[in-house]
Amino acid sequence: MYSLAHRTAIPLIVVAAAASALATGSASAQSWPASPVRMIVPFTVGGASDTAGRIIGQQLGERWSQKVFVENRPGAGGTIGTEVAARAKADGYTLLLGSSTELAVNPNLYAKLNYDTLRDFAPIGLIASTPMVFVVHPSLPAKTVADLVRLARARPGELIYASSGNGASTHLAAEMFKRAAQVDLLHLPHTGAAPAVVSIMNGQAQAGLHAVPAVLGQVRSGKLRALAVTSAKPMSLVPDVPTLVQSGYPSMDVVIWNGLLAPTGTSAEVLSRIESDLLVVLKDPQVQKSFANQGAELTPGDGRLLGQLIRSELARFGQVIQQAKIRLD
């Protein structure tokens, strides 16, 4: 039988345990990181995600007085590296530099994935977005998007667009445009952006939508003609090129975005620390310049904003993929 004194002691023990847990969590956040941090990039060295990871990793490492090393784990459209991050220990020492491809596109594209974006990851912050440029071969008699649409309608099923692969952002953006403009373009998939861009330059394909870094040099040299960009606003790197929104396609605000995430279960204190430090890093003028030189626009946002973006993009790309009947096994 419990005495009054015994019953009174129980809540005191609970309060003491809660206070101890809070103190432990706070101490854990304060002592973190006590060793190097791994940032997984699920794509090859030199790509947009890799570049973003290295810029951010260096700056965060300086703030934490610990090395942040980028681990490239490419393959299967980013799914291999993303799965590695999802299965990592949730201790704050493994992060994912994710993009719209593996977080929003792939869950709709693959019949089976060994990770679930919403279940397996805790969003930390939004980093940047990279628009695409709608390019055509210079010999094509189209100097505007309207010209291309008229040409495509006059020659249905004849014009070919080159993408960096089935289900890639470049493929989905073109399919979105086809539906918005009500034109029939043929799809020529490749194994990456470089061969796709080459196929447009050599005339094997006539058009394509590709990330700014992949085509900027060719546009400036006249080897490709830029008709529009997919950002909401014109880009400073190609200031004379209008947006697809300005060209009459309001649904074509399509960018490849990057964000930082951690495995679900990472402590709230550590997530908050990384989030706040990331937002500080993204305000650094040198970081802003580095991203601008890559054709990317910094779009700093906290974990809540990144989470909202992931949910909306999952729905958006899901609709596009279903309409276009795209599926990968």
C-alpha atoms as a PDB file:
ATOM      1  CA  MET A   1       0.000   0.000   0.000  1.00  0.00           C
ATOM      2  CA  TYR A   2       1.368   3.428  -1.017  1.00  0.00           C
ATOM      3  CA  SER A   3       1.717   6.103   1.605  1.00  0.00           C
ATOM      4  CA  LEU A   4       1.115   9.792   0.898  1.00  0.00           C
ATOM      5  CA  ALA A   5       4.838  10.374   1.109  1.00  0.00           C
ATOM      6  CA  HIS A   6       5.428   7.620  -1.462  1.00  0.00           C
ATOM      7  CA  ARG A   7       2.818   9.043  -3.840  1.00  0.00           C
ATOM      8  CA  THR A   8       4.378  12.502  -3.510  1.00  0.00           C
ATOM      9  CA  ALA A   9       7.826  11.148  -4.331  1.00  0.00           C
ATOM     10  CA  ILE A  10       6.749   9.708  -7.688  1.00  0.00           C
ATOM     11  CA  PRO A  11       6.143  13.043  -9.463  1.00  0.00           C
ATOM     12  CA  LEU A  12       9.343  14.401  -7.920  1.00  0.00           C
ATOM     13  CA  ILE A  13      11.272  11.505  -9.445  1.00  0.00           C
ATOM     14  CA  VAL A  14       9.591  12.114 -12.822  1.00  0.00           C
ATOM     15  CA  VAL A  15      10.418  15.816 -12.709  1.00  0.00           C
ATOM     16  CA  ALA A  16      14.005  15.037 -11.770  1.00  0.00           C
ATOM     17  CA  ALA A  17      14.302  12.529 -14.633  1.00  0.00           C
ATOM     18  CA  ALA A  18      12.839  15.016 -17.127  1.00  0.00           C
ATOM     19  CA  ALA A  19      15.217  17.727 -15.958  1.00  0.00           C
ATOM     20  CA  SER A  20      18.115  15.289 -16.306  1.00  0.00           C
ATOM     21  CA  ALA A  21      17.027  14.374 -19.850  1.00  0.00           C
ATOM     22  CA  LEU A  22      16.781  18.025 -20.825  1.00  0.00           C
ATOM     23  CA  ALA A  23      20.203  18.700 -19.375  1.00  0.00           C
ATOM     24  CA  THR A  24      21.641  15.703 -21.232  1.00  0.00           C
ATOM     25  CA  GLY A  25      20.069  16.830 -24.533  1.00  0.00           C
ATOM     26  CA  SER A  26      21.384  20.355 -24.062  1.00  0.00           C
ATOM     27  CA  ALA A  27      24.852  19.068 -23.210  1.00  0.00           C
ATOM     28  CA  SER A  28      24.721  16.774 -26.245  1.00  0.00           C
ATOM     29  CA  ALA A  29      23.881  19.712 -28.524  1.00  0.00           C
ATOM     30  CA  GLN A  30      26.617  21.811 -26.962  1.00  0.00           C
ATOM     31  CA  SER A  31      29.259  19.108 -27.350  1.00  0.00           C
ATOM     32  CA  TRP A  32      28.217  18.222 -30.880  1.00  0.00           C
ATOM     33  CA  PRO A  33      30.132  17.821 -33.124  1.00  0.00           C
ATOM     34  CA  ALA A  34      32.945  16.099 -31.304  1.00  0.00           C
ATOM     35  CA  SER A  35      34.235  14.404 -34.471  1.00  0.00           C
ATOM     36  CA  PRO A  36      34.065  14.933 -38.268  1.00  0.00           C
ATOM     37  CA  VAL A  37      30.650  15.041 -39.958  1.00  0.00           C
ATOM     38  CA  ARG A  38      29.831  13.101 -43.113  1.00  0.00           C
ATOM     39  CA  MET A  39      27.723  14.791 -45.793  1.00  0.00           C
ATOM     40  CA  ILE A  40      26.426  12.306 -48.346  1.00  0.00           C
ATOM     41  CA  VAL A  41      25.917  13.597 -51.894  1.00  0.00           C
ATOM     42  CA  PRO A  42      24.100  10.948 -53.975  1.00  0.00           C
ATOM     43  CA  PHE A  43      25.611  12.140 -57.260  1.00  0.00           C
ATOM     44  CA  THR A  44      29.018  12.276 -58.917  1.00  0.00           C
ATOM     45  CA  VAL A  45      31.794  14.767 -58.258  1.00  0.00           C
ATOM     46  CA  GLY A  46      31.400  18.055 -60.129  1.00  0.00           C
ATOM     47  CA  GLY A  47      27.625  18.164 -60.386  1.00  0.00           C
ATOM     48  CA  ALA A  48      25.356  20.831 -58.926  1.00  0.00           C
ATOM     49  CA  SER A  49      24.644  18.839 -55.745  1.00  0.00           C
ATOM     50  CA  ASP A  50      28.319  18.045 -55.231  1.00  0.00           C
ATOM     51  CA  THR A  51      29.330  21.673 -55.677  1.00  0.00           C
ATOM     52  CA  ALA A  52      26.657  22.834 -53.226  1.00  0.00           C
ATOM     53  CA  GLY A  53      27.735  20.225 -50.694  1.00  0.00           C
ATOM     54  CA  ARG A  54      31.390  21.230 -50.855  1.00  0.00           C
ATOM     55  CA  ILE A  55      30.663  24.949 -50.522  1.00  0.00           C
ATOM     56  CA  ILE A  56      28.334  24.444 -47.562  1.00  0.00           C
ATOM     57  CA  GLY A  57      30.458  21.725 -45.994  1.00  0.00           C
ATOM     58  CA  GLN A  58      33.568  23.871 -45.895  1.00  0.00           C
ATOM     59  CA  GLN A  59      31.753  26.768 -44.257  1.00  0.00           C
ATOM     60  CA  LEU A  60      29.944  24.613 -41.694  1.00  0.00           C
ATOM     61  CA  GLY A  61      33.197  22.836 -40.863  1.00  0.00           C
ATOM     62  CA  GLU A  62      34.824  26.158 -40.066  1.00  0.00           C
ATOM     63  CA  ARG A  63      31.964  27.095 -37.736  1.00  0.00           C
ATOM     64  CA  TRP A  64      32.064  23.730 -35.991  1.00  0.00           C
ATOM     65  CA  SER A  65      35.871  23.404 -35.845  1.00  0.00           C
ATOM     66  CA  GLN A  66      35.381  19.948 -37.334  1.00  0.00           C
ATOM     67  CA  LYS A  67      35.884  18.668 -40.835  1.00  0.00           C
ATOM     68  CA  VAL A  68      32.756  18.105 -42.894  1.00  0.00           C
ATOM     69  CA  PHE A  69      33.722  15.656 -45.602  1.00  0.00           C
ATOM     70  CA  VAL A  70      31.605  15.095 -48.693  1.00  0.00           C
ATOM     71  CA  GLU A  71      30.998  11.454 -49.556  1.00  0.00           C
ATOM     72  CA  ASN A  72      29.793  10.954 -53.131  1.00  0.00           C
ATOM     73  CA  ARG A  73      27.551   7.897 -53.445  1.00  0.00           C
ATOM     74  CA  PRO A  74      26.123   8.114 -56.987  1.00  0.00           C
ATOM     75  CA  GLY A  75      23.921   5.651 -58.818  1.00  0.00           C
ATOM     76  CA  ALA A  76      20.324   4.893 -59.794  1.00  0.00           C
ATOM     77  CA  GLY A  77      19.262   8.522 -60.031  1.00  0.00           C
ATOM     78  CA  GLY A  78      20.457   9.344 -56.539  1.00  0.00           C
ATOM     79  CA  THR A  79      18.648   6.481 -54.826  1.00  0.00           C
ATOM     80  CA  ILE A  80      21.773   4.609 -53.700  1.00  0.00           C
ATOM     81  CA  GLY A  81      23.314   7.450 -51.722  1.00  0.00           C
ATOM     82  CA  THR A  82      19.957   8.525 -50.346  1.00  0.00           C
ATOM     83  CA  GLU A  83      19.313   5.047 -48.987  1.00  0.00           C
ATOM     84  CA  VAL A  84      22.745   5.043 -47.328  1.00  0.00           C
ATOM     85  CA  ALA A  85      21.851   8.316 -45.589  1.00  0.00           C
ATOM     86  CA  ALA A  86      18.422   7.027 -44.562  1.00  0.00           C
ATOM     87  CA  ARG A  87      19.978   3.965 -42.889  1.00  0.00           C
ATOM     88  CA  ALA A  88      22.736   5.906 -41.136  1.00  0.00           C
ATOM     89  CA  LYS A  89      22.815   6.355 -37.369  1.00  0.00           C
ATOM     90  CA  ALA A  90      20.683   9.324 -36.335  1.00  0.00           C
ATOM     91  CA  ASP A  91      23.378  11.027 -34.287  1.00  0.00           C
ATOM     92  CA  GLY A  92      24.003  14.189 -36.295  1.00  0.00           C
ATOM     93  CA  TYR A  93      27.202  12.850 -37.826  1.00  0.00           C
ATOM     94  CA  THR A  94      25.620  11.879 -41.146  1.00  0.00           C
ATOM     95  CA  LEU A  95      23.785  14.449 -43.264  1.00  0.00           C
ATOM     96  CA  LEU A  96      22.251  14.299 -46.737  1.00  0.00           C
ATOM     97  CA  LEU A  97      22.713  17.010 -49.335  1.00  0.00           C
ATOM     98  CA  GLY A  98      19.488  16.166 -51.122  1.00  0.00           C
ATOM     99  CA  SER A  99      17.798  17.483 -54.237  1.00  0.00           C
ATOM    100  CA  SER A 100      14.370  17.489 -55.824  1.00  0.00           C
ATOM    101  CA  THR A 101      15.394  14.439 -57.877  1.00  0.00           C
ATOM    102  CA  GLU A 102      15.833  11.872 -55.134  1.00  0.00           C
ATOM    103  CA  LEU A 103      13.460  13.451 -52.604  1.00  0.00           C
ATOM    104  CA  ALA A 104      10.429  14.378 -54.743  1.00  0.00           C
ATOM    105  CA  VAL A 105      10.812  12.783 -58.175  1.00  0.00           C
ATOM    106  CA  ASN A 106      12.127   9.296 -57.429  1.00  0.00           C
ATOM    107  CA  PRO A 107       9.405   8.345 -54.919  1.00  0.00           C
ATOM    108  CA  ASN A 108       6.908   8.829 -57.746  1.00  0.00           C
ATOM    109  CA  LEU A 109       9.120   7.298 -60.415  1.00  0.00           C
ATOM    110  CA  TYR A 110      10.355   4.011 -59.017  1.00  0.00           C
ATOM    111  CA  ALA A 111       8.021   1.115 -58.334  1.00  0.00           C
ATOM    112  CA  LYS A 112      10.015   0.296 -55.202  1.00  0.00           C
ATOM    113  CA  LEU A 113      12.414   2.395 -53.146  1.00  0.00           C
ATOM    114  CA  ASN A 114      14.326   1.403 -50.036  1.00  0.00           C
ATOM    115  CA  TYR A 115      13.661   4.766 -48.423  1.00  0.00           C
ATOM    116  CA  ASP A 116      10.704   7.021 -47.774  1.00  0.00           C
ATOM    117  CA  THR A 117      11.423  10.740 -48.018  1.00  0.00           C
ATOM    118  CA  LEU A 118       8.855  11.798 -45.426  1.00  0.00           C
ATOM    119  CA  ARG A 119       9.415   8.917 -43.032  1.00  0.00           C
ATOM    120  CA  ASP A 120      13.192   8.563 -43.109  1.00  0.00           C
ATOM    121  CA  PHE A 121      14.450  12.159 -43.141  1.00  0.00           C
ATOM    122  CA  ALA A 122      14.257  15.230 -40.944  1.00  0.00           C
ATOM    123  CA  PRO A 123      14.492  18.392 -43.082  1.00  0.00           C
ATOM    124  CA  ILE A 124      17.047  20.918 -41.824  1.00  0.00           C
ATOM    125  CA  GLY A 125      17.053  23.707 -44.370  1.00  0.00           C
ATOM    126  CA  LEU A 126      16.611  24.765 -47.974  1.00  0.00           C
ATOM    127  CA  ILE A 127      19.823  25.874 -49.678  1.00  0.00           C
ATOM    128  CA  ALA A 128      19.541  26.843 -53.340  1.00  0.00           C
ATOM    129  CA  SER A 129      17.730  26.333 -56.607  1.00  0.00           C
ATOM    130  CA  THR A 130      19.098  25.942 -60.115  1.00  0.00           C
ATOM    131  CA  PRO A 131      16.867  26.880 -63.046  1.00  0.00           C
ATOM    132  CA  MET A 132      16.966  25.185 -66.416  1.00  0.00           C
ATOM    133  CA  VAL A 133      17.455  26.844 -69.773  1.00  0.00           C
ATOM    134  CA  PHE A 134      15.285  25.950 -72.749  1.00  0.00           C
ATOM    135  CA  VAL A 135      17.828  25.645 -75.567  1.00  0.00           C
ATOM    136  CA  VAL A 136      17.607  24.807 -79.256  1.00  0.00           C
ATOM    137  CA  HIS A 137      20.075  24.207 -82.067  1.00  0.00           C
ATOM    138  CA  PRO A 138      20.962  27.544 -83.726  1.00  0.00           C
ATOM    139  CA  SER A 139      19.786  26.280 -87.110  1.00  0.00           C
ATOM    140  CA  LEU A 140      16.236  25.804 -85.856  1.00  0.00           C
ATOM    141  CA  PRO A 141      14.029  28.650 -87.110  1.00  0.00           C
ATOM    142  CA  ALA A 142      12.854  29.522 -83.617  1.00  0.00           C
ATOM    143  CA  LYS A 143      14.108  32.555 -81.716  1.00  0.00           C
ATOM    144  CA  THR A 144      11.338  32.584 -79.115  1.00  0.00           C
ATOM    145  CA  VAL A 145       9.221  30.024 -77.291  1.00  0.00           C
ATOM    146  CA  ALA A 146       6.250  31.132 -79.388  1.00  0.00           C
ATOM    147  CA  ASP A 147       8.261  30.382 -82.553  1.00  0.00           C
ATOM    148  CA  LEU A 148       9.091  26.905 -81.271  1.00  0.00           C
ATOM    149  CA  VAL A 149       5.463  26.176 -80.388  1.00  0.00           C
ATOM    150  CA  ARG A 150       4.305  27.227 -83.866  1.00  0.00           C
ATOM    151  CA  LEU A 151       6.993  25.061 -85.436  1.00  0.00           C
ATOM    152  CA  ALA A 152       6.150  22.067 -83.275  1.00  0.00           C
ATOM    153  CA  ARG A 153       2.453  22.351 -84.086  1.00  0.00           C
ATOM    154  CA  ALA A 154       3.248  22.550 -87.788  1.00  0.00           C
ATOM    155  CA  ARG A 155       5.487  19.489 -87.530  1.00  0.00           C
ATOM    156  CA  PRO A 156       3.867  17.285 -84.845  1.00  0.00           C
ATOM    157  CA  GLY A 157       6.029  14.406 -83.674  1.00  0.00           C
ATOM    158  CA  GLU A 158       9.068  15.532 -85.685  1.00  0.00           C
ATOM    159  CA  LEU A 159      11.022  17.743 -83.306  1.00  0.00           C
ATOM    160  CA  ILE A 160      13.197  15.891 -80.796  1.00  0.00           C
ATOM    161  CA  TYR A 161      14.199  17.020 -77.326  1.00  0.00           C
ATOM    162  CA  ALA A 162      17.182  15.509 -75.513  1.00  0.00           C
ATOM    163  CA  SER A 163      17.103  14.787 -71.771  1.00  0.00           C
ATOM    164  CA  SER A 164      19.714  13.534 -69.331  1.00  0.00           C
ATOM    165  CA  GLY A 165      17.703  10.341 -68.792  1.00  0.00           C
ATOM    166  CA  ASN A 166      14.280   8.813 -68.265  1.00  0.00           C
ATOM    167  CA  GLY A 167      12.722  10.396 -65.207  1.00  0.00           C
ATOM    168  CA  ALA A 168      15.400  13.079 -64.869  1.00  0.00           C
ATOM    169  CA  SER A 169      14.380  16.657 -64.089  1.00  0.00           C
ATOM    170  CA  THR A 170      15.209  17.570 -67.689  1.00  0.00           C
ATOM    171  CA  HIS A 171      12.770  14.899 -68.882  1.00  0.00           C
ATOM    172  CA  LEU A 172       9.974  15.931 -66.526  1.00  0.00           C
ATOM    173  CA  ALA A 173      10.364  19.647 -67.303  1.00  0.00           C
ATOM    174  CA  ALA A 174      10.022  18.942 -71.021  1.00  0.00           C
ATOM    175  CA  GLU A 175       6.941  16.786 -70.419  1.00  0.00           C
ATOM    176  CA  MET A 176       5.421  19.593 -68.358  1.00  0.00           C
ATOM    177  CA  PHE A 177       6.080  22.007 -71.212  1.00  0.00           C
ATOM    178  CA  LYS A 178       4.558  19.634 -73.781  1.00  0.00           C
ATOM    179  CA  ARG A 179       1.323  19.584 -71.818  1.00  0.00           C
ATOM    180  CA  ALA A 180       1.303  23.292 -71.092  1.00  0.00           C
ATOM    181  CA  ALA A 181       1.957  24.208 -74.736  1.00  0.00           C
ATOM    182  CA  GLN A 182      -0.052  21.305 -76.184  1.00  0.00           C
ATOM    183  CA  VAL A 183       2.723  20.228 -78.545  1.00  0.00           C
ATOM    184  CA  ASP A 184       4.019  16.819 -79.591  1.00  0.00           C
ATOM    185  CA  LEU A 185       7.794  16.499 -79.109  1.00  0.00           C
ATOM    186  CA  LEU A 186       9.772  13.254 -79.261  1.00  0.00           C
ATOM    187  CA  HIS A 187      11.969  12.274 -76.316  1.00  0.00           C
ATOM    188  CA  LEU A 188      15.605  11.210 -76.732  1.00  0.00           C
ATOM    189  CA  PRO A 189      17.010  10.150 -73.325  1.00  0.00           C
ATOM    190  CA  HIS A 190      20.739  10.041 -72.563  1.00  0.00           C
ATOM    191  CA  THR A 191      22.908   8.882 -69.683  1.00  0.00           C
ATOM    192  CA  GLY A 192      23.624  12.366 -68.388  1.00  0.00           C
ATOM    193  CA  ALA A 193      23.465  16.068 -69.129  1.00  0.00           C
ATOM    194  CA  ALA A 194      26.742  16.251 -71.086  1.00  0.00           C
ATOM    195  CA  PRO A 195      25.816  13.741 -73.826  1.00  0.00           C
ATOM    196  CA  ALA A 196      22.312  15.195 -74.044  1.00  0.00           C
ATOM    197  CA  VAL A 197      23.659  18.697 -74.644  1.00  0.00           C
ATOM    198  CA  VAL A 198      26.131  17.338 -77.226  1.00  0.00           C
ATOM    199  CA  SER A 199      23.254  15.662 -79.095  1.00  0.00           C
ATOM    200  CA  ILE A 200      21.523  19.036 -79.426  1.00  0.00           C
ATOM    201  CA  MET A 201      24.706  20.726 -80.629  1.00  0.00           C
ATOM    202  CA  ASN A 202      25.330  18.060 -83.298  1.00  0.00           C
ATOM    203  CA  GLY A 203      21.737  18.173 -84.512  1.00  0.00           C
ATOM    204  CA  GLN A 204      20.681  14.713 -83.362  1.00  0.00           C
ATOM    205  CA  ALA A 205      18.068  16.506 -81.264  1.00  0.00           C
ATOM    206  CA  GLN A 206      16.690  19.995 -81.762  1.00  0.00           C
ATOM    207  CA  ALA A 207      15.885  21.150 -78.241  1.00  0.00           C
ATOM    208  CA  GLY A 208      16.117  20.462 -74.524  1.00  0.00           C
ATOM    209  CA  LEU A 209      15.775  21.913 -71.045  1.00  0.00           C
ATOM    210  CA  HIS A 210      18.995  21.696 -69.038  1.00  0.00           C
ATOM    211  CA  ALA A 211      20.449  23.147 -65.859  1.00  0.00           C
ATOM    212  CA  VAL A 212      22.263  26.449 -66.302  1.00  0.00           C
ATOM    213  CA  PRO A 213      25.795  25.111 -65.673  1.00  0.00           C
ATOM    214  CA  ALA A 214      25.347  22.445 -68.366  1.00  0.00           C
ATOM    215  CA  VAL A 215      24.560  24.889 -71.183  1.00  0.00           C
ATOM    216  CA  LEU A 216      25.774  28.358 -70.159  1.00  0.00           C
ATOM    217  CA  GLY A 217      29.082  28.124 -72.010  1.00  0.00           C
ATOM    218  CA  GLN A 218      27.448  26.842 -75.189  1.00  0.00           C
ATOM    219  CA  VAL A 219      24.823  29.590 -75.083  1.00  0.00           C
ATOM    220  CA  ARG A 220      27.454  32.283 -74.661  1.00  0.00           C
ATOM    221  CA  SER A 221      29.541  30.867 -77.516  1.00  0.00           C
ATOM    222  CA  GLY A 222      26.549  30.668 -79.859  1.00  0.00           C
ATOM    223  CA  LYS A 223      26.600  26.882 -80.129  1.00  0.00           C
ATOM    224  CA  LEU A 224      23.123  26.794 -78.603  1.00  0.00           C
ATOM    225  CA  ARG A 225      20.297  29.345 -78.610  1.00  0.00           C
ATOM    226  CA  ALA A 226      18.498  30.059 -75.346  1.00  0.00           C
ATOM    227  CA  LEU A 227      14.757  30.638 -75.653  1.00  0.00           C
ATOM    228  CA  ALA A 228      13.772  30.881 -71.977  1.00  0.00           C
ATOM    229  CA  VAL A 229      14.707  30.023 -68.416  1.00  0.00           C
ATOM    230  CA  THR A 230      12.521  28.099 -65.996  1.00  0.00           C
ATOM    231  CA  SER A 231      12.998  30.379 -62.980  1.00  0.00           C
ATOM    232  CA  ALA A 232      10.224  32.709 -61.829  1.00  0.00           C
ATOM    233  CA  LYS A 233      12.418  35.742 -62.565  1.00  0.00           C
ATOM    234  CA  PRO A 234      15.033  36.391 -65.273  1.00  0.00           C
ATOM    235  CA  MET A 235      18.585  35.321 -64.448  1.00  0.00           C
ATOM    236  CA  SER A 236      21.509  37.719 -64.173  1.00  0.00           C
ATOM    237  CA  LEU A 237      23.761  35.233 -66.008  1.00  0.00           C
ATOM    238  CA  VAL A 238      21.512  35.425 -69.085  1.00  0.00           C
ATOM    239  CA  PRO A 239      19.674  38.736 -68.529  1.00  0.00           C
ATOM    240  CA  ASP A 240      18.283  38.966 -72.068  1.00  0.00           C
ATOM    241  CA  VAL A 241      16.589  35.571 -71.916  1.00  0.00           C
ATOM    242  CA  PRO A 242      12.932  35.681 -70.767  1.00  0.00           C
ATOM    243  CA  THR A 243      11.330  33.182 -68.423  1.00  0.00           C
ATOM    244  CA  LEU A 244       8.820  30.580 -69.513  1.00  0.00           C
ATOM    245  CA  VAL A 245       6.377  32.279 -67.147  1.00  0.00           C
ATOM    246  CA  GLN A 246       6.856  35.544 -69.046  1.00  0.00           C
ATOM    247  CA  SER A 247       6.445  33.584 -72.285  1.00  0.00           C
ATOM    248  CA  GLY A 248       2.911  32.633 -71.299  1.00  0.00           C
ATOM    249  CA  TYR A 249       3.382  29.443 -69.269  1.00  0.00           C
ATOM    250  CA  PRO A 250       2.753  30.248 -65.589  1.00  0.00           C
ATOM    251  CA  SER A 251       3.038  26.598 -64.521  1.00  0.00           C
ATOM    252  CA  MET A 252       6.609  26.388 -65.818  1.00  0.00           C
ATOM    253  CA  ASP A 253       8.360  27.754 -62.741  1.00  0.00           C
ATOM    254  CA  VAL A 254      10.506  24.628 -62.441  1.00  0.00           C
ATOM    255  CA  VAL A 255      13.872  24.506 -60.690  1.00  0.00           C
ATOM    256  CA  ILE A 256      16.219  21.857 -59.325  1.00  0.00           C
ATOM    257  CA  TRP A 257      16.514  22.593 -55.602  1.00  0.00           C
ATOM    258  CA  ASN A 258      18.889  21.434 -52.895  1.00  0.00           C
ATOM    259  CA  GLY A 259      18.354  21.023 -49.182  1.00  0.00           C
ATOM    260  CA  LEU A 260      20.095  19.610 -46.130  1.00  0.00           C
ATOM    261  CA  LEU A 261      18.544  16.717 -44.192  1.00  0.00           C
ATOM    262  CA  ALA A 262      19.401  14.244 -41.447  1.00  0.00           C
ATOM    263  CA  PRO A 263      18.118  10.743 -40.656  1.00  0.00           C
ATOM    264  CA  THR A 264      14.865  10.749 -38.724  1.00  0.00           C
ATOM    265  CA  GLY A 265      15.554  10.430 -35.012  1.00  0.00           C
ATOM    266  CA  THR A 266      18.386  12.946 -34.918  1.00  0.00           C
ATOM    267  CA  SER A 267      17.918  15.018 -31.761  1.00  0.00           C
ATOM    268  CA  ALA A 268      15.940  18.247 -32.021  1.00  0.00           C
ATOM    269  CA  GLU A 269      18.777  20.141 -30.363  1.00  0.00           C
ATOM    270  CA  VAL A 270      21.326  19.037 -32.956  1.00  0.00           C
ATOM    271  CA  LEU A 271      18.912  19.695 -35.836  1.00  0.00           C
ATOM    272  CA  SER A 272      18.282  23.194 -34.498  1.00  0.00           C
ATOM    273  CA  ARG A 273      22.026  23.846 -34.218  1.00  0.00           C
ATOM    274  CA  ILE A 274      22.675  22.748 -37.816  1.00  0.00           C
ATOM    275  CA  GLU A 275      19.682  24.727 -39.093  1.00  0.00           C
ATOM    276  CA  SER A 276      20.776  27.969 -37.443  1.00  0.00           C
ATOM    277  CA  ASP A 277      24.392  27.569 -38.587  1.00  0.00           C
ATOM    278  CA  LEU A 278      23.286  26.764 -42.140  1.00  0.00           C
ATOM    279  CA  LEU A 279      21.173  29.927 -42.321  1.00  0.00           C
ATOM    280  CA  VAL A 280      24.158  31.988 -41.117  1.00  0.00           C
ATOM    281  CA  VAL A 281      26.445  30.400 -43.731  1.00  0.00           C
ATOM    282  CA  LEU A 282      23.980  31.150 -46.544  1.00  0.00           C
ATOM    283  CA  LYS A 283      24.159  34.871 -45.680  1.00  0.00           C
ATOM    284  CA  ASP A 284      27.911  34.959 -46.296  1.00  0.00           C
ATOM    285  CA  PRO A 285      28.718  37.118 -49.388  1.00  0.00           C
ATOM    286  CA  GLN A 286      31.436  34.718 -50.557  1.00  0.00           C
ATOM    287  CA  VAL A 287      29.021  31.780 -50.377  1.00  0.00           C
ATOM    288  CA  GLN A 288      26.432  33.762 -52.320  1.00  0.00           C
ATOM    289  CA  LYS A 289      29.028  34.574 -54.973  1.00  0.00           C
ATOM    290  CA  SER A 290      30.136  30.940 -55.235  1.00  0.00           C
ATOM    291  CA  PHE A 291      26.584  29.764 -55.864  1.00  0.00           C
ATOM    292  CA  ALA A 292      25.890  32.570 -58.340  1.00  0.00           C
ATOM    293  CA  ASN A 293      28.960  31.551 -60.329  1.00  0.00           C
ATOM    294  CA  GLN A 294      27.428  28.076 -60.643  1.00  0.00           C
ATOM    295  CA  GLY A 295      24.159  29.457 -62.000  1.00  0.00           C
ATOM    296  CA  ALA A 296      22.323  28.730 -58.750  1.00  0.00           C
ATOM    297  CA  GLU A 297      20.188  31.078 -56.681  1.00  0.00           C
ATOM    298  CA  LEU A 298      20.394  30.885 -52.914  1.00  0.00           C
ATOM    299  CA  THR A 299      16.948  30.288 -51.427  1.00  0.00           C
ATOM    300  CA  PRO A 300      17.611  30.015 -47.670  1.00  0.00           C
ATOM    301  CA  GLY A 301      14.830  28.423 -45.672  1.00  0.00           C
ATOM    302  CA  ASP A 302      14.436  26.592 -42.392  1.00  0.00           C
ATOM    303  CA  GLY A 303      13.485  22.965 -41.901  1.00  0.00           C
ATOM    304  CA  ARG A 304       9.778  23.737 -41.827  1.00  0.00           C
ATOM    305  CA  LEU A 305       9.958  25.438 -45.223  1.00  0.00           C
ATOM    306  CA  LEU A 306      11.964  22.572 -46.726  1.00  0.00           C
ATOM    307  CA  GLY A 307       9.421  20.094 -45.393  1.00  0.00           C
ATOM    308  CA  GLN A 308       6.571  22.029 -46.992  1.00  0.00           C
ATOM    309  CA  LEU A 309       8.454  22.191 -50.296  1.00  0.00           C
ATOM    310  CA  ILE A 310       9.107  18.448 -50.312  1.00  0.00           C
ATOM    311  CA  ARG A 311       5.418  17.686 -49.760  1.00  0.00           C
ATOM    312  CA  SER A 312       4.241  20.056 -52.482  1.00  0.00           C
ATOM    313  CA  GLU A 313       6.855  18.815 -54.979  1.00  0.00           C
ATOM    314  CA  LEU A 314       6.007  15.177 -54.276  1.00  0.00           C
ATOM    315  CA  ALA A 315       2.427  15.961 -55.298  1.00  0.00           C
ATOM    316  CA  ARG A 316       3.432  18.097 -58.268  1.00  0.00           C
ATOM    317  CA  PHE A 317       5.872  15.627 -59.827  1.00  0.00           C
ATOM    318  CA  GLY A 318       3.563  12.758 -59.021  1.00  0.00           C
ATOM    319  CA  GLN A 319       0.925  14.307 -61.244  1.00  0.00           C
ATOM    320  CA  VAL A 320       3.385  14.923 -64.094  1.00  0.00           C
ATOM    321  CA  ILE A 321       4.789  11.387 -63.931  1.00  0.00           C
ATOM    322  CA  GLN A 322       1.318   9.850 -63.844  1.00  0.00           C
ATOM    323  CA  GLN A 323       0.126  11.911 -66.800  1.00  0.00           C
ATOM    324  CA  ALA A 324       3.219  11.104 -68.834  1.00  0.00           C
ATOM    325  CA  LYS A 325       3.027   7.426 -67.790  1.00  0.00           C
ATOM    326  CA  ILE A 326       6.694   7.356 -66.754  1.00  0.00           C
ATOM    327  CA  ARG A 327       7.765   4.469 -64.529  1.00  0.00           C
ATOM    328  CA  LEU A 328      11.116   2.911 -63.653  1.00  0.00           C
ATOM    329  CA  ASP A 329      11.574  -0.495 -62.000  1.00  0.00           C
END
